[in-house]
N, C-alpha and C. Protein backbone atom coordinates (compact mmCIF):
# COMPACT_ATOMS: atom_id res chain seq x y z
N MET A 1 4.04 4.56 16.00
CA MET A 1 4.01 4.12 14.82
C MET A 1 4.15 5.70 13.98
N ALA A 2 3.26 6.71 14.42
CA ALA A 2 2.86 7.70 13.71
C ALA A 2 4.44 8.67 13.39
N SER A 3 5.30 8.59 14.76
CA SER A 3 5.93 9.16 14.26
C SER A 3 7.42 8.28 13.46
N ILE A 4 7.02 7.22 13.28
CA ILE A 4 7.75 6.04 12.21
C ILE A 4 7.71 7.04 10.75
N ASN A 5 6.18 7.01 11.03
CA ASN A 5 5.45 6.91 9.37
C ASN A 5 5.93 8.61 9.08
N SER A 6 6.00 9.31 10.25
CA SER A 6 6.37 10.41 10.09
C SER A 6 7.84 10.58 9.69
N TYR A 7 8.86 9.99 10.37
CA TYR A 7 10.06 9.88 9.67
C TYR A 7 10.24 9.43 8.16
N TYR A 8 9.33 8.55 8.10
CA TYR A 8 9.13 8.11 6.69
C TYR A 8 9.47 9.19 5.84
N SER A 9 8.22 9.61 5.92
CA SER A 9 7.73 10.44 4.86
C SER A 9 8.64 11.80 4.87
N LEU A 10 9.40 12.11 5.57
CA LEU A 10 10.44 13.36 5.52
C LEU A 10 11.68 12.92 4.83
N VAL A 11 11.96 11.40 4.92
CA VAL A 11 13.26 10.66 4.35
C VAL A 11 12.87 10.44 2.51
N LEU A 12 11.30 10.31 2.77
CA LEU A 12 11.19 10.00 1.04
C LEU A 12 10.79 11.63 0.41
N VAL A 13 10.64 12.26 1.12
CA VAL A 13 10.04 13.68 0.32
C VAL A 13 11.74 14.21 0.21
N VAL A 14 12.75 13.49 0.94
CA VAL A 14 14.42 14.71 0.87
C VAL A 14 14.88 13.63 -0.46
N ILE A 15 14.42 12.24 -0.55
CA ILE A 15 15.27 11.45 -1.37
C ILE A 15 14.38 11.55 -2.74
N ALA A 16 13.36 12.26 -2.73
CA ALA A 16 12.50 12.54 -4.07
C ALA A 16 13.06 13.18 -4.63
N LEU A 17 13.31 14.52 -3.90
CA LEU A 17 14.05 15.43 -4.55
C LEU A 17 15.78 15.38 -5.28
N ALA A 18 16.36 14.61 -4.37
CA ALA A 18 17.67 14.62 -4.64
C ALA A 18 17.64 13.88 -6.00
N SER A 19 16.74 12.65 -6.38
CA SER A 19 16.64 12.01 -7.74
C SER A 19 15.63 12.35 -8.35
N ALA A 20 15.36 13.89 -8.67
CA ALA A 20 14.06 14.16 -9.36
C ALA A 20 15.04 14.08 -11.10
N PRO A 21 16.47 13.55 -11.30
CA PRO A 21 16.54 13.72 -12.67
C PRO A 21 15.99 12.32 -12.95
N LEU A 22 15.66 11.57 -12.36
CA LEU A 22 15.50 9.92 -12.60
C LEU A 22 14.59 9.70 -13.14
N ALA A 23 13.57 10.85 -12.93
CA ALA A 23 11.89 10.80 -13.60
C ALA A 23 12.10 10.98 -15.23
N ALA A 24 11.77 10.06 -16.08
CA ALA A 24 12.00 10.25 -17.45
C ALA A 24 10.19 10.55 -18.10
N VAL A 25 10.21 10.60 -19.17
CA VAL A 25 8.97 10.73 -19.53
C VAL A 25 8.47 10.01 -20.72
N ALA A 26 9.44 8.76 -21.23
CA ALA A 26 9.73 8.05 -22.62
C ALA A 26 7.75 7.18 -22.61
N GLY A 27 7.39 7.03 -23.59
CA GLY A 27 6.41 6.36 -23.38
C GLY A 27 6.62 5.16 -24.46
N ASP A 28 5.45 4.35 -24.84
CA ASP A 28 5.54 3.12 -25.91
C ASP A 28 5.03 4.05 -27.37
N ALA A 29 5.52 3.85 -28.37
CA ALA A 29 5.45 4.01 -29.41
C ALA A 29 4.28 2.99 -30.29
N ASP A 30 3.83 3.91 -30.59
CA ASP A 30 2.13 2.95 -31.32
C ASP A 30 2.38 2.56 -32.44
N ILE A 31 1.80 1.13 -32.52
CA ILE A 31 2.71 0.02 -33.62
C ILE A 31 1.53 0.02 -35.10
N LEU A 32 2.44 -0.12 -35.91
CA LEU A 32 1.29 -0.52 -37.35
C LEU A 32 1.14 -1.71 -37.76
N SER A 33 0.65 -2.92 -36.83
CA SER A 33 0.24 -3.94 -37.09
C SER A 33 -0.42 -4.26 -36.16
N ASP A 34 -1.50 -5.20 -36.37
CA ASP A 34 -2.24 -5.87 -35.00
C ASP A 34 -1.64 -5.93 -33.81
N PHE A 35 -0.68 -6.82 -33.93
CA PHE A 35 0.09 -7.14 -32.58
C PHE A 35 1.58 -7.25 -33.46
N ILE A 36 2.88 -7.96 -32.62
CA ILE A 36 4.15 -8.19 -33.03
C ILE A 36 4.56 -9.04 -33.18
N VAL A 37 4.67 -9.99 -33.29
CA VAL A 37 5.85 -11.03 -33.07
C VAL A 37 6.94 -11.31 -33.29
N PRO A 38 7.32 -11.93 -32.02
CA PRO A 38 9.28 -12.58 -31.73
C PRO A 38 9.80 -12.61 -32.61
N THR A 39 10.98 -12.39 -33.05
CA THR A 39 11.89 -12.66 -33.88
C THR A 39 12.24 -14.25 -34.07
N SER A 40 11.50 -14.52 -32.94
CA SER A 40 11.85 -16.39 -33.14
C SER A 40 10.31 -16.73 -33.93
N MET A 41 9.36 -16.09 -33.82
CA MET A 41 8.43 -16.32 -34.57
C MET A 41 8.19 -15.74 -36.15
N ILE A 42 9.21 -14.83 -36.93
CA ILE A 42 8.95 -14.55 -37.54
C ILE A 42 9.20 -15.17 -38.99
N GLY A 43 7.68 -15.18 -39.73
CA GLY A 43 8.18 -16.35 -41.31
C GLY A 43 7.31 -17.23 -40.60
N MET A 44 6.79 -17.49 -39.40
CA MET A 44 5.94 -19.10 -39.54
C MET A 44 4.43 -18.79 -39.99
N PRO A 45 3.94 -19.48 -40.63
CA PRO A 45 3.22 -19.48 -41.01
C PRO A 45 1.59 -19.13 -40.04
N PRO A 46 0.81 -17.92 -40.49
CA PRO A 46 -0.22 -17.20 -39.55
C PRO A 46 -0.93 -18.08 -38.55
N MET A 47 -1.33 -19.09 -39.52
CA MET A 47 -1.95 -20.53 -38.01
C MET A 47 -1.60 -21.06 -37.07
N ASN A 48 -0.06 -20.84 -36.93
CA ASN A 48 0.54 -21.59 -35.92
C ASN A 48 0.59 -20.65 -35.20
N ILE A 49 0.26 -19.51 -35.06
CA ILE A 49 0.00 -18.74 -33.92
C ILE A 49 -1.21 -18.92 -33.25
N THR A 50 -1.50 -18.93 -32.35
CA THR A 50 -2.84 -19.41 -31.70
C THR A 50 -2.63 -18.78 -30.74
N GLY A 51 -4.34 -18.76 -30.04
CA GLY A 51 -4.17 -18.30 -28.41
C GLY A 51 -3.44 -18.47 -27.47
N ASP A 52 -2.79 -19.58 -27.66
CA ASP A 52 -1.39 -19.71 -26.26
C ASP A 52 -0.53 -18.44 -26.67
N PHE A 53 -0.42 -17.61 -27.54
CA PHE A 53 1.01 -16.84 -27.67
C PHE A 53 0.13 -15.35 -26.38
N PHE A 54 -1.09 -15.65 -26.75
CA PHE A 54 -1.77 -14.53 -26.27
C PHE A 54 -2.27 -14.40 -24.33
N THR A 55 -1.87 -16.17 -23.98
CA THR A 55 -2.18 -15.99 -22.80
C THR A 55 -0.84 -15.96 -21.85
N TYR A 56 -0.82 -15.79 -20.58
CA TYR A 56 0.07 -15.77 -19.74
C TYR A 56 -0.52 -15.98 -18.50
N THR A 57 0.05 -16.98 -17.84
CA THR A 57 -0.27 -17.83 -16.47
C THR A 57 0.71 -18.10 -15.42
N GLY A 58 1.48 -16.93 -15.43
CA GLY A 58 2.82 -16.64 -14.49
C GLY A 58 1.97 -16.26 -13.10
N PHE A 59 0.94 -16.17 -13.36
CA PHE A 59 0.60 -15.69 -12.12
C PHE A 59 -0.20 -16.80 -11.40
N SER A 60 -0.61 -17.94 -11.85
CA SER A 60 -0.84 -18.62 -11.33
C SER A 60 -0.33 -19.45 -9.90
N ALA A 61 1.08 -19.44 -9.96
CA ALA A 61 1.76 -19.82 -8.87
C ALA A 61 2.26 -18.48 -8.00
N ALA A 62 1.67 -17.49 -8.47
CA ALA A 62 1.95 -16.72 -7.70
C ALA A 62 0.77 -16.38 -6.48
N MET A 63 -0.05 -16.51 -7.14
CA MET A 63 -1.77 -16.43 -6.16
C MET A 63 -1.48 -17.59 -5.36
N ASN A 64 -0.87 -18.61 -5.79
CA ASN A 64 -0.79 -19.72 -5.05
C ASN A 64 -0.01 -19.95 -3.94
N MET A 65 1.44 -18.80 -3.28
CA MET A 65 2.65 -18.91 -2.84
C MET A 65 2.30 -18.58 -1.58
N THR A 66 2.47 -19.24 -0.79
CA THR A 66 2.73 -18.52 1.03
C THR A 66 3.77 -17.42 1.03
N MET A 67 2.86 -16.67 2.17
CA MET A 67 3.82 -15.22 1.40
C MET A 67 4.77 -15.88 3.01
N PRO A 68 6.19 -15.16 3.00
CA PRO A 68 7.48 -15.66 3.89
C PRO A 68 6.88 -14.78 5.19
N LYS A 69 7.07 -15.28 6.36
CA LYS A 69 6.89 -14.40 7.55
C LYS A 69 8.13 -13.52 7.69
N PRO A 70 7.63 -12.44 8.25
CA PRO A 70 8.34 -11.26 8.15
C PRO A 70 9.79 -11.28 8.84
N MET A 71 10.71 -10.83 8.89
CA MET A 71 12.11 -11.02 9.08
C MET A 71 12.66 -9.21 9.30
N PRO A 72 13.13 -9.44 10.54
CA PRO A 72 13.46 -7.84 10.29
C PRO A 72 14.51 -7.04 10.11
N GLY A 73 14.29 -6.15 9.11
CA GLY A 73 15.47 -5.68 8.63
C GLY A 73 15.57 -6.02 7.48
N THR A 74 14.40 -7.07 6.65
CA THR A 74 14.75 -7.11 5.32
C THR A 74 13.37 -6.26 4.36
N GLN A 75 13.23 -6.45 3.71
CA GLN A 75 12.17 -5.86 2.59
C GLN A 75 11.64 -6.94 1.76
N ASN A 76 10.71 -8.24 2.22
CA ASN A 76 10.23 -9.17 1.46
C ASN A 76 9.37 -9.45 1.35
N PHE A 77 8.84 -8.23 0.32
CA PHE A 77 7.54 -8.34 -0.42
C PHE A 77 8.51 -9.15 -1.64
N THR A 78 7.25 -9.13 -2.49
CA THR A 78 7.68 -10.45 -3.73
C THR A 78 6.20 -9.84 -4.69
N VAL A 79 7.50 -9.56 -5.80
CA VAL A 79 6.58 -8.77 -7.46
C VAL A 79 6.71 -9.86 -8.42
N THR A 80 5.64 -10.30 -8.76
CA THR A 80 5.51 -11.09 -9.88
C THR A 80 5.14 -10.25 -11.17
N LYS A 81 5.77 -9.83 -12.04
CA LYS A 81 5.62 -8.90 -13.27
C LYS A 81 5.23 -9.85 -14.36
N ALA A 82 4.01 -9.00 -15.11
CA ALA A 82 3.66 -9.53 -16.66
C ALA A 82 4.31 -8.43 -17.53
N THR A 83 4.90 -7.82 -17.62
CA THR A 83 5.98 -6.69 -19.14
C THR A 83 5.48 -7.81 -20.74
N MET A 84 5.97 -6.88 -21.48
CA MET A 84 6.47 -7.94 -22.74
C MET A 84 8.26 -8.53 -22.31
N MET A 85 9.06 -8.27 -21.39
CA MET A 85 9.92 -9.73 -21.13
C MET A 85 9.48 -11.08 -20.18
N GLU A 86 8.10 -10.83 -19.52
CA GLU A 86 8.12 -12.19 -19.31
C GLU A 86 6.73 -12.83 -20.17
N PHE A 87 6.17 -11.84 -21.33
CA PHE A 87 4.83 -11.85 -21.87
C PHE A 87 4.85 -11.15 -23.46
N PRO A 88 5.97 -12.27 -24.26
CA PRO A 88 6.25 -11.19 -25.39
C PRO A 88 4.86 -10.47 -26.20
N ALA A 89 4.05 -11.26 -25.98
CA ALA A 89 2.63 -10.66 -26.72
C ALA A 89 2.19 -9.19 -26.56
N LEU A 90 2.35 -8.84 -25.24
CA LEU A 90 2.48 -7.79 -25.16
C LEU A 90 3.26 -6.37 -25.63
N ASN A 91 4.41 -6.97 -26.04
CA ASN A 91 5.33 -6.09 -27.14
C ASN A 91 3.85 -5.43 -27.94
N GLY A 92 4.07 -3.76 -27.57
CA GLY A 92 3.41 -2.88 -28.43
C GLY A 92 2.06 -2.23 -28.13
N GLN A 93 1.51 -3.21 -26.83
CA GLN A 93 0.28 -3.29 -26.32
C GLN A 93 0.05 -1.81 -25.48
N SER A 94 1.51 -1.43 -25.09
CA SER A 94 1.01 -0.48 -24.00
C SER A 94 0.33 -0.99 -22.78
N VAL A 95 0.63 -2.09 -22.30
CA VAL A 95 -0.07 -2.42 -20.81
C VAL A 95 1.01 -3.48 -20.52
N ALA A 96 0.83 -3.71 -19.25
CA ALA A 96 1.35 -4.31 -18.42
C ALA A 96 0.85 -4.73 -17.07
N TYR A 97 0.89 -5.69 -16.53
CA TYR A 97 0.68 -6.21 -15.06
C TYR A 97 1.81 -6.36 -13.79
N ALA A 98 1.46 -6.18 -12.89
CA ALA A 98 2.23 -6.91 -11.53
C ALA A 98 1.52 -7.49 -10.81
N MET A 99 1.86 -8.12 -10.00
CA MET A 99 1.07 -8.72 -7.99
C MET A 99 1.96 -8.43 -7.04
N LEU A 100 1.75 -7.73 -6.15
CA LEU A 100 2.22 -7.29 -5.15
C LEU A 100 1.77 -7.82 -4.07
N LYS A 101 3.29 -8.88 -3.36
CA LYS A 101 2.00 -9.59 -2.20
C LYS A 101 3.30 -9.26 -0.92
N LEU A 102 2.58 -8.33 -0.49
CA LEU A 102 3.40 -7.72 1.40
C LEU A 102 3.16 -8.30 2.39
N PRO A 103 3.62 -9.28 3.35
CA PRO A 103 3.92 -9.55 4.36
C PRO A 103 3.30 -8.71 5.40
N SER A 104 3.00 -8.59 6.17
CA SER A 104 2.91 -7.94 7.49
C SER A 104 4.19 -6.90 7.84
N GLU A 105 4.03 -5.58 8.31
CA GLU A 105 5.69 -4.75 8.56
C GLU A 105 6.14 -4.57 7.31
N SER A 106 5.97 -5.22 6.36
CA SER A 106 7.31 -4.96 5.18
C SER A 106 6.76 -3.51 4.01
N VAL A 107 7.64 -3.62 3.28
CA VAL A 107 7.73 -2.11 2.58
C VAL A 107 8.34 -2.37 0.95
N ASN A 108 7.67 -1.92 0.08
CA ASN A 108 8.05 -1.55 -1.53
C ASN A 108 8.72 -0.64 -1.45
N PRO A 109 10.31 -0.38 -1.22
CA PRO A 109 10.76 0.68 -1.07
C PRO A 109 10.65 2.10 -2.08
N PRO A 110 11.18 3.00 -2.42
CA PRO A 110 10.68 4.43 -3.20
C PRO A 110 10.88 3.83 -4.22
N HIS A 111 10.69 3.95 -5.20
CA HIS A 111 10.96 3.80 -6.81
C HIS A 111 10.28 4.07 -7.92
N THR A 112 10.58 4.59 -8.96
CA THR A 112 9.69 4.91 -10.24
C THR A 112 9.60 4.11 -10.92
N HIS A 113 8.73 4.30 -11.88
CA HIS A 113 8.05 3.68 -13.18
C HIS A 113 8.30 4.76 -14.30
N PRO A 114 9.68 5.15 -14.90
CA PRO A 114 9.51 6.02 -16.22
C PRO A 114 9.15 6.04 -17.20
N ARG A 115 8.07 4.91 -17.65
CA ARG A 115 7.88 4.68 -19.05
C ARG A 115 6.41 4.62 -18.44
N ALA A 116 5.82 4.40 -17.41
CA ALA A 116 4.67 4.48 -17.18
C ALA A 116 4.23 4.87 -15.95
N ALA A 117 2.26 5.47 -15.83
CA ALA A 117 1.74 5.52 -14.69
C ALA A 117 1.60 3.82 -14.09
N GLU A 118 1.11 3.80 -12.60
CA GLU A 118 0.46 2.59 -11.91
C GLU A 118 -0.94 2.89 -11.31
N LEU A 119 -1.48 2.00 -11.64
CA LEU A 119 -3.00 1.96 -11.05
C LEU A 119 -2.97 0.57 -10.22
N LEU A 120 -3.12 1.31 -9.33
CA LEU A 120 -2.66 0.17 -8.00
C LEU A 120 -4.48 -0.46 -7.56
N LEU A 121 -4.30 -1.43 -7.48
CA LEU A 121 -5.86 -2.17 -6.77
C LEU A 121 -5.58 -3.32 -5.68
N VAL A 122 -6.01 -2.32 -4.40
CA VAL A 122 -6.05 -3.54 -3.36
C VAL A 122 -6.51 -4.71 -3.50
N LEU A 123 -6.52 -6.02 -3.33
CA LEU A 123 -7.12 -7.10 -3.80
C LEU A 123 -7.38 -8.00 -1.89
N ASP A 124 -6.53 -8.12 -1.14
CA ASP A 124 -6.52 -8.27 0.19
C ASP A 124 -5.96 -7.43 1.06
N GLY A 125 -6.51 -7.59 2.25
CA GLY A 125 -6.14 -7.02 3.29
C GLY A 125 -5.87 -5.13 2.98
N ALA A 126 -4.27 -4.38 3.29
CA ALA A 126 -4.85 -3.05 4.04
C ALA A 126 -3.04 -2.16 3.32
N LEU A 127 -3.03 -1.15 2.78
CA LEU A 127 -1.86 -0.62 2.24
C LEU A 127 -2.07 0.93 2.73
N SER A 128 -1.05 1.37 2.87
CA SER A 128 -0.53 2.61 2.98
C SER A 128 0.59 3.14 1.95
N VAL A 129 -0.16 4.00 1.00
CA VAL A 129 0.99 4.37 -0.33
C VAL A 129 1.06 5.64 0.07
N GLY A 130 1.60 6.22 -1.22
CA GLY A 130 2.47 7.69 -1.43
C GLY A 130 2.90 7.68 -2.41
N PHE A 131 2.77 9.24 -3.09
CA PHE A 131 3.94 9.44 -3.91
C PHE A 131 4.26 11.07 -3.61
N VAL A 132 5.70 11.26 -4.72
CA VAL A 132 5.87 12.70 -4.20
C VAL A 132 6.14 13.51 -5.50
N ASP A 133 4.93 14.46 -5.45
CA ASP A 133 5.26 15.41 -7.13
C ASP A 133 6.61 15.98 -7.18
N THR A 134 6.38 16.75 -8.93
CA THR A 134 7.86 17.55 -9.25
C THR A 134 8.13 18.72 -8.16
N ALA A 135 6.71 19.05 -7.09
CA ALA A 135 6.95 20.03 -6.51
C ALA A 135 7.70 19.75 -4.99
N GLY A 136 7.62 18.71 -4.56
CA GLY A 136 8.28 18.32 -3.66
C GLY A 136 7.16 17.79 -2.46
N LYS A 137 5.50 17.76 -3.11
CA LYS A 137 4.70 17.19 -1.95
C LYS A 137 4.31 16.02 -2.04
N LEU A 138 4.06 15.70 -0.87
CA LEU A 138 3.60 13.94 -0.82
C LEU A 138 2.22 13.87 -0.68
N TYR A 139 1.69 13.07 -1.16
CA TYR A 139 0.24 12.47 -1.33
C TYR A 139 0.18 10.90 -0.54
N MET A 140 -0.75 10.59 0.26
CA MET A 140 -0.51 9.60 1.21
C MET A 140 -1.75 9.15 1.43
N GLN A 141 -1.99 7.77 1.13
CA GLN A 141 -3.41 7.55 1.59
C GLN A 141 -3.73 6.14 2.29
N ASP A 142 -4.01 5.43 2.93
CA ASP A 142 -4.43 4.48 3.78
C ASP A 142 -5.77 3.91 2.61
N LEU A 143 -5.45 2.40 2.38
CA LEU A 143 -5.68 1.94 0.83
C LEU A 143 -6.67 0.34 2.05
N ALA A 144 -7.74 -0.03 1.60
CA ALA A 144 -8.61 -1.19 2.18
C ALA A 144 -8.56 -2.25 0.43
N ALA A 145 -8.75 -3.27 0.99
CA ALA A 145 -9.49 -4.29 -0.26
C ALA A 145 -10.90 -3.93 -1.04
N GLY A 146 -10.11 -3.70 -2.05
CA GLY A 146 -10.97 -2.88 -3.31
C GLY A 146 -10.80 -1.63 -3.14
N ASP A 147 -9.99 -0.41 -2.60
CA ASP A 147 -9.42 0.51 -3.28
C ASP A 147 -8.49 0.52 -4.69
N MET A 148 -8.56 1.64 -5.00
CA MET A 148 -7.44 2.23 -6.15
C MET A 148 -6.68 2.93 -5.97
N PHE A 149 -5.70 3.17 -6.29
CA PHE A 149 -4.65 4.43 -6.07
C PHE A 149 -3.74 4.14 -7.57
N VAL A 150 -3.74 5.58 -8.59
CA VAL A 150 -3.06 6.03 -9.25
C VAL A 150 -1.67 6.58 -9.03
N PHE A 151 0.09 6.20 -9.33
CA PHE A 151 0.93 6.48 -9.18
C PHE A 151 0.89 7.12 -10.67
N PRO A 152 1.30 8.54 -10.57
CA PRO A 152 1.62 9.19 -11.95
C PRO A 152 2.73 9.02 -12.21
N LYS A 153 2.78 8.55 -13.65
CA LYS A 153 4.15 9.03 -14.59
C LYS A 153 5.10 8.88 -14.14
N GLY A 154 6.79 8.58 -13.79
CA GLY A 154 7.59 8.91 -13.72
C GLY A 154 7.95 9.27 -12.04
N LEU A 155 6.67 9.49 -11.43
CA LEU A 155 6.95 10.01 -9.84
C LEU A 155 7.74 8.79 -8.89
N VAL A 156 8.16 9.68 -7.85
CA VAL A 156 9.39 8.57 -6.87
C VAL A 156 7.79 7.67 -6.05
N HIS A 157 7.31 6.58 -5.36
CA HIS A 157 6.23 6.23 -4.68
C HIS A 157 6.99 5.26 -3.83
N TYR A 158 6.07 4.58 -3.32
CA TYR A 158 6.09 3.28 -2.07
C TYR A 158 4.39 2.72 -1.80
N GLN A 159 4.84 1.50 -1.41
CA GLN A 159 3.67 0.90 -0.49
C GLN A 159 4.09 0.40 0.73
N SER A 160 3.72 0.22 1.31
CA SER A 160 3.47 0.19 2.76
C SER A 160 2.38 -0.68 3.18
N ASN A 161 2.77 -2.43 4.03
CA ASN A 161 2.15 -2.82 4.74
C ASN A 161 2.44 -2.63 6.64
N PRO A 162 1.70 -1.76 6.52
CA PRO A 162 2.39 -1.29 8.04
C PRO A 162 1.24 -2.60 9.37
N GLY A 163 0.58 -3.11 8.61
CA GLY A 163 -0.40 -4.04 9.74
C GLY A 163 0.13 -5.07 10.10
N ARG A 164 -0.75 -6.08 10.37
CA ARG A 164 -0.70 -8.10 10.92
C ARG A 164 -1.14 -8.90 10.13
N SER A 165 -1.55 -8.37 9.12
CA SER A 165 -1.60 -9.10 7.98
C SER A 165 -1.49 -8.93 6.77
N PRO A 166 -1.43 -10.07 6.04
CA PRO A 166 -0.77 -9.69 4.57
C PRO A 166 -1.52 -8.76 3.69
N ALA A 167 -0.98 -8.60 2.72
CA ALA A 167 -1.98 -7.94 1.27
C ALA A 167 -1.09 -8.21 0.29
N VAL A 168 -2.06 -7.51 -0.72
CA VAL A 168 -2.21 -8.27 -1.77
C VAL A 168 -2.64 -7.25 -3.11
N ALA A 169 -1.98 -7.04 -4.03
CA ALA A 169 -2.21 -5.74 -4.84
C ALA A 169 -1.87 -6.10 -6.34
N LEU A 170 -2.54 -6.14 -7.50
CA LEU A 170 -2.73 -5.78 -8.77
C LEU A 170 -2.48 -4.59 -9.20
N SER A 171 -1.32 -4.23 -10.31
CA SER A 171 -0.89 -3.00 -10.76
C SER A 171 -1.00 -3.29 -11.78
N ALA A 172 -1.56 -2.40 -12.79
CA ALA A 172 -1.94 -2.02 -14.04
C ALA A 172 -0.83 -1.43 -14.32
N PHE A 173 0.21 -0.98 -15.83
CA PHE A 173 0.80 0.13 -16.15
C PHE A 173 0.66 0.18 -17.77
N GLY A 174 0.52 1.57 -17.85
CA GLY A 174 0.35 2.11 -19.31
C GLY A 174 1.51 1.85 -20.17
N SER A 175 2.27 0.96 -20.20
CA SER A 175 3.07 0.57 -20.89
C SER A 175 3.95 -1.11 -21.30
N SER A 176 4.15 -1.39 -21.90
CA SER A 176 4.53 -2.71 -22.35
C SER A 176 5.68 -3.28 -21.02
N ALA A 177 6.55 -2.11 -20.95
CA ALA A 177 7.67 -2.33 -20.35
C ALA A 177 7.82 -0.50 -19.47
N PRO A 178 7.09 -1.04 -18.13
CA PRO A 178 7.26 0.53 -17.59
C PRO A 178 8.46 1.04 -17.03
N GLY A 179 9.56 -0.20 -16.78
CA GLY A 179 10.71 0.29 -16.10
C GLY A 179 10.45 0.70 -14.37
N THR A 180 11.56 0.09 -13.99
CA THR A 180 11.50 0.48 -12.31
C THR A 180 12.71 0.63 -12.10
N VAL A 181 12.78 1.78 -11.49
CA VAL A 181 13.95 2.26 -10.93
C VAL A 181 14.02 2.76 -9.53
N SER A 182 15.05 1.78 -8.85
CA SER A 182 14.63 1.73 -7.03
C SER A 182 15.83 3.33 -6.84
N VAL A 183 14.85 3.92 -5.90
CA VAL A 183 15.92 5.54 -5.72
C VAL A 183 16.80 4.77 -4.87
N LEU A 184 16.23 3.81 -3.87
CA LEU A 184 17.72 3.79 -2.64
C LEU A 184 19.09 3.03 -3.75
N VAL A 185 19.07 1.87 -4.67
CA VAL A 185 19.68 1.30 -5.40
C VAL A 185 20.80 2.30 -5.91
N THR A 186 20.07 3.39 -6.57
CA THR A 186 20.53 3.84 -7.67
C THR A 186 21.20 5.18 -7.02
N VAL A 187 20.65 5.61 -5.54
CA VAL A 187 21.55 6.71 -5.12
C VAL A 187 22.79 6.27 -4.20
N PHE A 188 22.70 5.16 -3.98
CA PHE A 188 24.01 4.50 -2.88
C PHE A 188 24.38 3.13 -3.10
N GLY A 189 24.01 2.85 -4.27
CA GLY A 189 24.61 1.52 -4.60
C GLY A 189 24.56 1.29 -6.39
N THR A 190 25.12 2.54 -6.58
CA THR A 190 25.71 2.75 -8.23
C THR A 190 27.02 3.15 -8.00
N GLY A 191 27.89 3.48 -7.04
CA GLY A 191 29.39 3.85 -7.01
C GLY A 191 29.14 5.50 -7.06
N VAL A 192 28.10 6.06 -6.72
CA VAL A 192 28.31 7.49 -6.91
C VAL A 192 28.96 7.87 -5.59
N ASP A 193 30.38 8.59 -5.53
CA ASP A 193 31.42 8.84 -4.64
C ASP A 193 30.43 9.38 -3.48
N ASP A 194 31.04 8.76 -2.32
CA ASP A 194 30.87 8.87 -1.13
C ASP A 194 30.51 10.31 -0.65
N ALA A 195 31.61 11.53 -0.97
CA ALA A 195 31.48 12.41 -0.90
C ALA A 195 30.77 13.75 -1.27
N VAL A 196 30.50 12.66 -2.78
CA VAL A 196 29.48 13.89 -3.11
C VAL A 196 27.76 13.63 -2.00
N LEU A 197 27.64 12.32 -1.98
CA LEU A 197 26.65 12.02 -1.37
C LEU A 197 26.23 12.14 0.02
N ALA A 198 27.79 12.15 0.36
CA ALA A 198 27.88 13.04 2.70
C ALA A 198 27.16 14.80 2.17
N LYS A 199 27.27 15.32 1.67
CA LYS A 199 27.07 16.88 1.22
C LYS A 199 25.63 16.93 0.36
N SER A 200 25.45 16.06 -0.71
CA SER A 200 24.10 16.17 -0.78
C SER A 200 22.82 15.63 0.48
N PHE A 201 23.18 14.98 0.89
CA PHE A 201 22.04 14.48 2.13
C PHE A 201 22.49 15.44 3.64
N LYS A 202 23.66 15.85 3.49
CA LYS A 202 23.84 16.80 4.38
C LYS A 202 23.96 15.90 6.00
N THR A 203 24.84 14.73 5.44
CA THR A 203 25.45 14.15 6.36
C THR A 203 27.03 13.34 6.49
N ASP A 204 27.19 13.02 6.95
CA ASP A 204 29.09 12.34 6.95
C ASP A 204 29.28 11.12 6.91
N LEU A 205 30.23 10.93 5.82
CA LEU A 205 30.61 9.60 5.39
C LEU A 205 30.29 8.48 5.87
N PRO A 206 30.66 7.88 7.05
CA PRO A 206 30.33 7.08 7.95
C PRO A 206 28.92 6.50 7.36
N THR A 207 28.30 7.27 7.89
CA THR A 207 26.58 6.66 6.71
C THR A 207 26.25 6.91 5.93
N VAL A 208 27.08 7.19 4.97
CA VAL A 208 26.57 6.94 3.46
C VAL A 208 27.70 5.73 3.19
N GLN A 209 29.06 5.61 3.69
CA GLN A 209 29.27 4.73 3.52
C GLN A 209 28.23 3.16 4.30
N LYS A 210 27.63 3.22 5.36
CA LYS A 210 27.48 2.24 6.20
C LYS A 210 25.74 2.40 4.76
N LEU A 211 25.02 2.68 4.34
CA LEU A 211 24.05 2.86 3.34
C LEU A 211 24.34 2.26 2.08
N LYS A 212 25.92 2.76 1.78
CA LYS A 212 26.19 1.83 0.72
C LYS A 212 26.27 0.63 0.90
N ALA A 213 27.00 -0.01 2.07
CA ALA A 213 26.87 -1.87 2.18
C ALA A 213 25.91 -1.92 2.10
N ALA A 214 24.71 -1.43 2.84
CA ALA A 214 23.68 -2.39 2.81
C ALA A 214 22.41 -1.87 1.37
N LEU A 215 22.77 -1.18 0.44
CA LEU A 215 21.95 -1.29 -0.84
C LEU A 215 22.93 -1.72 -1.73
N THR A 216 24.29 -2.01 -1.41
CA THR A 216 24.50 -2.38 -3.19
C THR A 216 23.96 -3.44 -3.47
N PRO A 217 23.67 -4.01 -4.70
CA PRO A 217 23.05 -5.15 -4.71
C PRO A 217 24.30 -6.06 -5.02
N PRO A 218 24.35 -7.22 -4.78
CA PRO A 218 24.85 -8.07 -4.49
C PRO A 218 25.82 -8.47 -5.96
N PRO A 219 26.56 -8.96 -6.25
CA PRO A 219 27.35 -9.33 -7.65
C PRO A 219 26.64 -10.19 -8.41
N LYS A 220 26.38 -10.45 -9.54
CA LYS A 220 25.95 -11.04 -10.41
C LYS A 220 26.98 -12.23 -10.78
N LYS A 221 25.90 -13.39 -10.64
CA LYS A 221 27.03 -14.54 -10.92
C LYS A 221 26.66 -15.04 -12.61
């Protein structure tokens, strides 16, 4: 396990350095009203906007969902989001949540949130987490239930469950639309020229093509 963790850490550092331009510094703008009403509700009498508008029940199903059994070669973690996309009342409020459920031996691969820091609280089980700063330094930590960890805004980070028990965590964001940029998909799954990637990662074309085949998103239906 130690050798695998060391290899994974090295790969993460290399990917983070190669993808440094992905880290943005955008943030939510201040609003000049108590809250923002969706376009579909503009003109509606104020009494028709009730507490229902400010209530989100999307986590209920996620909390009761049985985690899938680990499958070799797959990243079968699940993320349930509560951003302004899923919960319109968050628009302008500069907050959002996400619930992560990681079966044993699963990984939430390296990614960034360009518009927000992430504050992760482990609710159940244990996680190994880490992020890479702009100087290329890797910060890692093993977390147990009740522990919190902050991923600074825009930096490449990951969560891993190397144990044999499932883990559940709740992430809070300082933006109603934090965004998620997958490092692996962005680098290998968006059509960047094979030769550019081979030179950048000091590898050969067959390796790049193999990674592209595995990481290219399926076509949208």
